[in-house]
PDB file of N, CA and C in Angstrom:
ATOM      1  N   MET A   1      -2.596 -13.006  17.065  1.00  0.00           N
ATOM      2  CA  MET A   1      -3.098 -12.357  15.874  1.00  0.00           C
ATOM      3  C   MET A   1      -4.038 -13.335  15.168  1.00  0.00           C
ATOM      4  N   THR A   2      -5.161 -12.846  14.727  1.00  0.00           N
ATOM      5  CA  THR A   2      -6.138 -13.691  14.060  1.00  0.00           C
ATOM      6  C   THR A   2      -6.092 -13.461  12.558  1.00  0.00           C
ATOM      7  N   ARG A   3      -6.754 -14.364  11.844  1.00  0.00           N
ATOM      8  CA  ARG A   3      -6.801 -14.221  10.384  1.00  0.00           C
ATOM      9  C   ARG A   3      -7.550 -12.956   9.989  1.00  0.00           C
ATOM     10  N   LEU A   4      -8.530 -12.569  10.789  1.00  0.00           N
ATOM     11  CA  LEU A   4      -9.298 -11.371  10.490  1.00  0.00           C
ATOM     12  C   LEU A   4      -8.431 -10.115  10.606  1.00  0.00           C
ATOM     13  N   SER A   5      -7.576 -10.063  11.607  1.00  0.00           N
ATOM     14  CA  SER A   5      -6.705  -8.899  11.737  1.00  0.00           C
ATOM     15  C   SER A   5      -5.671  -8.868  10.609  1.00  0.00           C
ATOM     16  N   CYS A   6      -5.250 -10.044  10.131  1.00  0.00           N
ATOM     17  CA  CYS A   6      -4.339 -10.074   8.983  1.00  0.00           C
ATOM     18  C   CYS A   6      -5.038  -9.558   7.722  1.00  0.00           C
ATOM     19  N   PHE A   7      -6.315  -9.903   7.582  1.00  0.00           N
ATOM     20  CA  PHE A   7      -7.089  -9.408   6.445  1.00  0.00           C
ATOM     21  C   PHE A   7      -7.197  -7.892   6.490  1.00  0.00           C
ATOM     22  N   PHE A   8      -7.508  -7.346   7.666  1.00  0.00           N
ATOM     23  CA  PHE A   8      -7.634  -5.902   7.796  1.00  0.00           C
ATOM     24  C   PHE A   8      -6.291  -5.200   7.606  1.00  0.00           C
ATOM     25  N   GLU A   9      -5.198  -5.870   7.955  1.00  0.00           N
ATOM     26  CA  GLU A   9      -3.875  -5.298   7.711  1.00  0.00           C
ATOM     27  C   GLU A   9      -3.650  -5.124   6.215  1.00  0.00           C
ATOM     28  N   LYS A  10      -3.998  -6.123   5.430  1.00  0.00           N
ATOM     29  CA  LYS A  10      -3.805  -6.042   3.989  1.00  0.00           C
ATOM     30  C   LYS A  10      -4.742  -5.013   3.360  1.00  0.00           C
ATOM     31  N   VAL A  11      -5.982  -4.971   3.838  1.00  0.00           N
ATOM     32  CA  VAL A  11      -6.941  -3.999   3.308  1.00  0.00           C
ATOM     33  C   VAL A  11      -6.500  -2.568   3.632  1.00  0.00           C
ATOM     34  N   SER A  12      -5.982  -2.357   4.825  1.00  0.00           N
ATOM     35  CA  SER A  12      -5.538  -1.005   5.178  1.00  0.00           C
ATOM     36  C   SER A  12      -4.312  -0.603   4.364  1.00  0.00           C
ATOM     37  N   ASP A  13      -3.385  -1.547   4.111  1.00  0.00           N
ATOM     38  CA  ASP A  13      -2.243  -1.235   3.248  1.00  0.00           C
ATOM     39  C   ASP A  13      -2.715  -0.862   1.850  1.00  0.00           C
ATOM     40  N   LEU A  14      -3.676  -1.599   1.338  1.00  0.00           N
ATOM     41  CA  LEU A  14      -4.203  -1.307   0.015  1.00  0.00           C
ATOM     42  C   LEU A  14      -4.913   0.043  -0.012  1.00  0.00           C
ATOM     43  N   GLY A  15      -5.690   0.337   1.007  1.00  0.00           N
ATOM     44  CA  GLY A  15      -6.403   1.618   1.064  1.00  0.00           C
ATOM     45  C   GLY A  15      -5.463   2.802   1.142  1.00  0.00           C
ATOM     46  N   VAL A  16      -4.472   2.716   2.010  1.00  0.00           N
ATOM     47  CA  VAL A  16      -3.503   3.807   2.140  1.00  0.00           C
ATOM     48  C   VAL A  16      -2.723   3.965   0.831  1.00  0.00           C
ATOM     49  N   GLY A  17      -2.362   2.846   0.211  1.00  0.00           N
ATOM     50  CA  GLY A  17      -1.630   2.910  -1.057  1.00  0.00           C
ATOM     51  C   GLY A  17      -2.429   3.571  -2.158  1.00  0.00           C
ATOM     52  N   LEU A  18      -3.716   3.250  -2.245  1.00  0.00           N
ATOM     53  CA  LEU A  18      -4.551   3.866  -3.277  1.00  0.00           C
ATOM     54  C   LEU A  18      -4.765   5.356  -3.026  1.00  0.00           C
ATOM     55  N   ILE A  19      -4.941   5.731  -1.777  1.00  0.00           N
ATOM     56  CA  ILE A  19      -5.107   7.154  -1.458  1.00  0.00           C
ATOM     57  C   ILE A  19      -3.829   7.925  -1.786  1.00  0.00           C
ATOM     58  N   LEU A  20      -2.681   7.377  -1.408  1.00  0.00           N
ATOM     59  CA  LEU A  20      -1.415   8.047  -1.711  1.00  0.00           C
ATOM     60  C   LEU A  20      -1.157   8.100  -3.217  1.00  0.00           C
ATOM     61  N   LEU A  21      -1.545   7.057  -3.933  1.00  0.00           N
ATOM     62  CA  LEU A  21      -1.368   7.062  -5.383  1.00  0.00           C
ATOM     63  C   LEU A  21      -2.217   8.152  -6.025  1.00  0.00           C
ATOM     64  N   PHE A  22      -3.450   8.298  -5.554  1.00  0.00           N
ATOM     65  CA  PHE A  22      -4.318   9.356  -6.066  1.00  0.00           C
ATOM     66  C   PHE A  22      -3.720  10.731  -5.786  1.00  0.00           C
ATOM     67  N   ILE A  23      -3.241  10.945  -4.574  1.00  0.00           N
ATOM     68  CA  ILE A  23      -2.643  12.235  -4.212  1.00  0.00           C
ATOM     69  C   ILE A  23      -1.381  12.490  -5.026  1.00  0.00           C
ATOM     70  N   GLY A  24      -0.561  11.466  -5.201  1.00  0.00           N
ATOM     71  CA  GLY A  24       0.665  11.629  -5.993  1.00  0.00           C
ATOM     72  C   GLY A  24       0.380  11.956  -7.443  1.00  0.00           C
ATOM     73  N   LEU A  25      -0.608  11.276  -8.023  1.00  0.00           N
ATOM     74  CA  LEU A  25      -0.972  11.577  -9.408  1.00  0.00           C
ATOM     75  C   LEU A  25      -1.594  12.965  -9.531  1.00  0.00           C
ATOM     76  N   LEU A  26      -2.344  13.370  -8.520  1.00  0.00           N
ATOM     77  CA  LEU A  26      -2.906  14.713  -8.511  1.00  0.00           C
ATOM     78  C   LEU A  26      -1.791  15.765  -8.479  1.00  0.00           C
ATOM     79  N   PHE A  27      -0.790  15.539  -7.623  1.00  0.00           N
ATOM     80  CA  PHE A  27       0.351  16.457  -7.585  1.00  0.00           C
ATOM     81  C   PHE A  27       1.105  16.459  -8.917  1.00  0.00           C
ATOM     82  N   ALA A  28       1.218  15.299  -9.553  1.00  0.00           N
ATOM     83  CA  ALA A  28       1.922  15.231 -10.831  1.00  0.00           C
ATOM     84  C   ALA A  28       1.185  16.028 -11.901  1.00  0.00           C
ATOM     85  N   VAL A  29      -0.127  15.908 -11.947  1.00  0.00           N
ATOM     86  CA  VAL A  29      -0.910  16.660 -12.935  1.00  0.00           C
ATOM     87  C   VAL A  29      -0.825  18.159 -12.651  1.00  0.00           C
ATOM     88  N   ILE A  30      -0.947  18.525 -11.392  1.00  0.00           N
ATOM     89  CA  ILE A  30      -0.856  19.941 -11.028  1.00  0.00           C
ATOM     90  C   ILE A  30       0.540  20.476 -11.325  1.00  0.00           C
ATOM     91  N   SER A  31       1.554  19.639 -11.120  1.00  0.00           N
ATOM     92  CA  SER A  31       2.921  20.126 -11.335  1.00  0.00           C
ATOM     93  C   SER A  31       3.185  20.435 -12.797  1.00  0.00           C
ATOM     94  N   PHE A  32       2.575  19.681 -13.693  1.00  0.00           N
ATOM     95  CA  PHE A  32       2.783  19.979 -15.108  1.00  0.00           C
ATOM     96  C   PHE A  32       2.033  21.236 -15.533  1.00  0.00           C
ATOM     97  N   ALA A  33       0.977  21.570 -14.814  1.00  0.00           N
ATOM     98  CA  ALA A  33       0.180  22.726 -15.194  1.00  0.00           C
ATOM     99  C   ALA A  33       0.620  24.013 -14.507  1.00  0.00           C
ATOM    100  N   ILE A  34       1.018  23.934 -13.245  1.00  0.00           N
ATOM    101  CA  ILE A  34       1.250  25.161 -12.486  1.00  0.00           C
ATOM    102  C   ILE A  34       2.729  25.356 -12.141  1.00  0.00           C
ATOM    103  N   VAL A  35       3.268  24.504 -11.292  1.00  0.00           N
ATOM    104  CA  VAL A  35       4.649  24.654 -10.840  1.00  0.00           C
ATOM    105  C   VAL A  35       5.413  23.347 -11.107  1.00  0.00           C
ATOM    106  N   PRO A  36       6.098  23.266 -12.221  1.00  0.00           N
ATOM    107  CA  PRO A  36       6.691  21.995 -12.636  1.00  0.00           C
ATOM    108  C   PRO A  36       7.705  21.398 -11.664  1.00  0.00           C
ATOM    109  N   VAL A  37       8.641  22.148 -11.195  1.00  0.00           N
ATOM    110  CA  VAL A  37       9.712  21.570 -10.387  1.00  0.00           C
ATOM    111  C   VAL A  37       9.242  21.241  -8.975  1.00  0.00           C
ATOM    112  N   ILE A  38       8.580  22.168  -8.346  1.00  0.00           N
ATOM    113  CA  ILE A  38       8.147  21.976  -6.960  1.00  0.00           C
ATOM    114  C   ILE A  38       7.087  20.879  -6.875  1.00  0.00           C
ATOM    115  N   GLY A  39       6.172  20.837  -7.821  1.00  0.00           N
ATOM    116  CA  GLY A  39       5.145  19.811  -7.817  1.00  0.00           C
ATOM    117  C   GLY A  39       5.721  18.419  -7.976  1.00  0.00           C
ATOM    118  N   LEU A  40       6.704  18.272  -8.839  1.00  0.00           N
ATOM    119  CA  LEU A  40       7.336  16.960  -9.020  1.00  0.00           C
ATOM    120  C   LEU A  40       8.154  16.553  -7.801  1.00  0.00           C
ATOM    121  N   LEU A  41       8.696  17.529  -7.076  1.00  0.00           N
ATOM    122  CA  LEU A  41       9.418  17.191  -5.848  1.00  0.00           C
ATOM    123  C   LEU A  41       8.482  16.571  -4.806  1.00  0.00           C
ATOM    124  N   PHE A  42       7.219  16.930  -4.849  1.00  0.00           N
ATOM    125  CA  PHE A  42       6.239  16.318  -3.954  1.00  0.00           C
ATOM    126  C   PHE A  42       5.643  15.048  -4.559  1.00  0.00           C
ATOM    127  N   ALA A  43       5.407  15.046  -5.863  1.00  0.00           N
ATOM    128  CA  ALA A  43       4.701  13.938  -6.508  1.00  0.00           C
ATOM    129  C   ALA A  43       5.517  12.654  -6.529  1.00  0.00           C
ATOM    130  N   ILE A  44       6.779  12.727  -6.861  1.00  0.00           N
ATOM    131  CA  ILE A  44       7.585  11.509  -7.012  1.00  0.00           C
ATOM    132  C   ILE A  44       7.720  10.739  -5.702  1.00  0.00           C
ATOM    133  N   PRO A  45       8.066  11.363  -4.573  1.00  0.00           N
ATOM    134  CA  PRO A  45       8.140  10.580  -3.325  1.00  0.00           C
ATOM    135  C   PRO A  45       6.797  10.003  -2.887  1.00  0.00           C
ATOM    136  N   ILE A  46       5.717  10.729  -3.140  1.00  0.00           N
ATOM    137  CA  ILE A  46       4.403  10.217  -2.752  1.00  0.00           C
ATOM    138  C   ILE A  46       4.030   9.008  -3.595  1.00  0.00           C
ATOM    139  N   ILE A  47       4.328   9.035  -4.875  1.00  0.00           N
ATOM    140  CA  ILE A  47       4.035   7.889  -5.740  1.00  0.00           C
ATOM    141  C   ILE A  47       4.890   6.689  -5.343  1.00  0.00           C
ATOM    142  N   VAL A  48       6.153   6.912  -5.012  1.00  0.00           N
ATOM    143  CA  VAL A  48       7.015   5.816  -4.562  1.00  0.00           C
ATOM    144  C   VAL A  48       6.487   5.214  -3.263  1.00  0.00           C
ATOM    145  N   LEU A  49       6.047   6.048  -2.359  1.00  0.00           N
ATOM    146  CA  LEU A  49       5.478   5.572  -1.098  1.00  0.00           C
ATOM    147  C   LEU A  49       4.184   4.794  -1.343  1.00  0.00           C
ATOM    148  N   ALA A  50       3.378   5.249  -2.288  1.00  0.00           N
ATOM    149  CA  ALA A  50       2.143   4.538  -2.621  1.00  0.00           C
ATOM    150  C   ALA A  50       2.433   3.155  -3.168  1.00  0.00           C
ATOM    151  N   VAL A  51       3.428   3.041  -4.034  1.00  0.00           N
ATOM    152  CA  VAL A  51       3.803   1.731  -4.580  1.00  0.00           C
ATOM    153  C   VAL A  51       4.320   0.826  -3.468  1.00  0.00           C
ATOM    154  N   ALA A  52       5.047   1.393  -2.521  1.00  0.00           N
ATOM    155  CA  ALA A  52       5.531   0.593  -1.389  1.00  0.00           C
ATOM    156  C   ALA A  52       4.375   0.052  -0.562  1.00  0.00           C
ATOM    157  N   PHE A  53       3.346   0.846  -0.354  1.00  0.00           N
ATOM    158  CA  PHE A  53       2.175   0.370   0.393  1.00  0.00           C
ATOM    159  C   PHE A  53       1.388  -0.664  -0.412  1.00  0.00           C
ATOM    160  N   LEU A  54       1.260  -0.443  -1.722  1.00  0.00           N
ATOM    161  CA  LEU A  54       0.485  -1.371  -2.534  1.00  0.00           C
ATOM    162  C   LEU A  54       1.130  -2.755  -2.618  1.00  0.00           C
ATOM    163  N   PHE A  55       2.449  -2.814  -2.621  1.00  0.00           N
ATOM    164  CA  PHE A  55       3.144  -4.091  -2.723  1.00  0.00           C
ATOM    165  C   PHE A  55       3.795  -4.510  -1.410  1.00  0.00           C
ATOM    166  N   ALA A  56       3.250  -4.043  -0.301  1.00  0.00           N
ATOM    167  CA  ALA A  56       3.802  -4.372   1.016  1.00  0.00           C
ATOM    168  C   ALA A  56       3.622  -5.859   1.310  1.00  0.00           C
ATOM    169  N   ARG A  57       4.630  -6.442   1.920  1.00  0.00           N
ATOM    170  CA  ARG A  57       4.552  -7.838   2.316  1.00  0.00           C
ATOM    171  C   ARG A  57       3.754  -7.978   3.594  1.00  0.00           C
ATOM    172  N   ARG A  58       3.316  -9.191   3.836  1.00  0.00           N
ATOM    173  CA  ARG A  58       2.610  -9.463   5.087  1.00  0.00           C
ATOM    174  C   ARG A  58       3.592  -9.392   6.243  1.00  0.00           C
ATOM    175  N   SER A  59       3.062  -9.099   7.401  1.00  0.00           N
ATOM    176  CA  SER A  59       3.912  -9.112   8.585  1.00  0.00           C
ATOM    177  C   SER A  59       4.296 -10.552   8.900  1.00  0.00           C
ATOM    178  N   ARG A  60       5.309 -10.734   9.719  1.00  0.00           N
ATOM    179  CA  ARG A  60       5.756 -12.088  10.058  1.00  0.00           C
ATOM    180  C   ARG A  60       4.672 -12.889  10.752  1.00  0.00           C
ATOM    181  N   ALA A  61       3.917 -12.217  11.610  1.00  0.00           N
ATOM    182  CA  ALA A  61       2.842 -12.923  12.331  1.00  0.00           C
ATOM    183  C   ALA A  61       1.780 -13.418  11.356  1.00  0.00           C
ATOM    184  N   CYS A  62       1.427 -12.615  10.378  1.00  0.00           N
ATOM    185  CA  CYS A  62       0.427 -13.040   9.404  1.00  0.00           C
ATOM    186  C   CYS A  62       0.968 -14.140   8.490  1.00  0.00           C
ATOM    187  N   ALA A  63       2.235 -14.060   8.131  1.00  0.00           N
ATOM    188  CA  ALA A  63       2.827 -15.102   7.302  1.00  0.00           C
ATOM    189  C   ALA A  63       2.859 -16.441   8.054  1.00  0.00           C
ATOM    190  N   LEU A  64       3.217 -16.402   9.339  1.00  0.00           N
ATOM    191  CA  LEU A  64       3.221 -17.630  10.133  1.00  0.00           C
ATOM    192  C   LEU A  64       1.813 -18.182  10.300  1.00  0.00           C
ATOM    193  N   LEU A  65       0.863 -17.319  10.518  1.00  0.00           N
ATOM    194  CA  LEU A  65      -0.523 -17.748  10.669  1.00  0.00           C
ATOM    195  C   LEU A  65      -1.041 -18.362   9.373  1.00  0.00           C
ATOM    196  N   ALA A  66      -0.695 -17.785   8.244  1.00  0.00           N
ATOM    197  CA  ALA A  66      -1.128 -18.319   6.956  1.00  0.00           C
ATOM    198  C   ALA A  66      -0.493 -19.681   6.697  1.00  0.00           C
ATOM    199  N   ASP A  67       0.759 -19.853   7.072  1.00  0.00           N
ATOM    200  CA  ASP A  67       1.419 -21.147   6.883  1.00  0.00           C
ATOM    201  C   ASP A  67       0.818 -22.216   7.785  1.00  0.00           C
ATOM    202  N   ARG A  68       0.481 -21.831   9.010  1.00  0.00           N
ATOM    203  CA  ARG A  68      -0.101 -22.803   9.951  1.00  0.00           C
ATOM    204  C   ARG A  68      -1.492 -23.237   9.549  1.00  0.00           C
ATOM    205  N   THR A  69      -2.258 -22.338   8.955  1.00  0.00           N
ATOM    206  CA  THR A  69      -3.655 -22.639   8.649  1.00  0.00           C
ATOM    207  C   THR A  69      -3.910 -22.846   7.163  1.00  0.00           C
ATOM    208  N   ARG A  70      -2.885 -23.173   6.406  1.00  0.00           N
ATOM    209  CA  ARG A  70      -3.026 -23.291   4.959  1.00  0.00           C
ATOM    210  C   ARG A  70      -3.966 -24.433   4.565  1.00  0.00           C
ATOM    211  N   ASN A  71      -3.739 -25.640   5.024  1.00  0.00           N
ATOM    212  CA  ASN A  71      -4.540 -26.792   4.614  1.00  0.00           C
ATOM    213  C   ASN A  71      -5.342 -27.354   5.778  1.00  0.00           C
ATOM    214  N   VAL A  72      -5.988 -26.511   6.517  1.00  0.00           N
ATOM    215  CA  VAL A  72      -6.732 -26.948   7.687  1.00  0.00           C
ATOM    216  C   VAL A  72      -7.905 -27.854   7.288  1.00  0.00           C
ATOM    217  N   LEU A  73      -8.583 -27.530   6.215  1.00  0.00           N
ATOM    218  CA  LEU A  73      -9.745 -28.293   5.821  1.00  0.00           C
ATOM    219  C   LEU A  73      -9.404 -29.629   5.157  1.00  0.00           C
ATOM    220  N   TRP A  74      -8.180 -29.801   4.663  1.00  0.00           N
ATOM    221  CA  TRP A  74      -7.836 -31.009   3.924  1.00  0.00           C
ATOM    222  C   TRP A  74      -6.947 -31.974   4.683  1.00  0.00           C
ATOM    223  N   THR A  75      -6.694 -31.729   5.960  1.00  0.00           N
ATOM    224  CA  THR A  75      -5.841 -32.655   6.725  1.00  0.00           C
ATOM    225  C   THR A  75      -6.653 -33.606   7.548  1.00  0.00           C
TER     226      THR A  75
END
């Protein structure tokens, strides 16, 4: 695994999280206007999933790679 693939992993987690957050907030707004109970049943799990993607930890391979290459320029 390279540092570039670790970067794209984090960017994709952030992108998916933002898209899910937008969809969840859209469902929440629609649920208050049209169908309160059913809309919230969809909105709450989607928002929770979005937060999980936004605050996702790095994979073990990326964490090991970051630890190995932390002070490469200063050693």
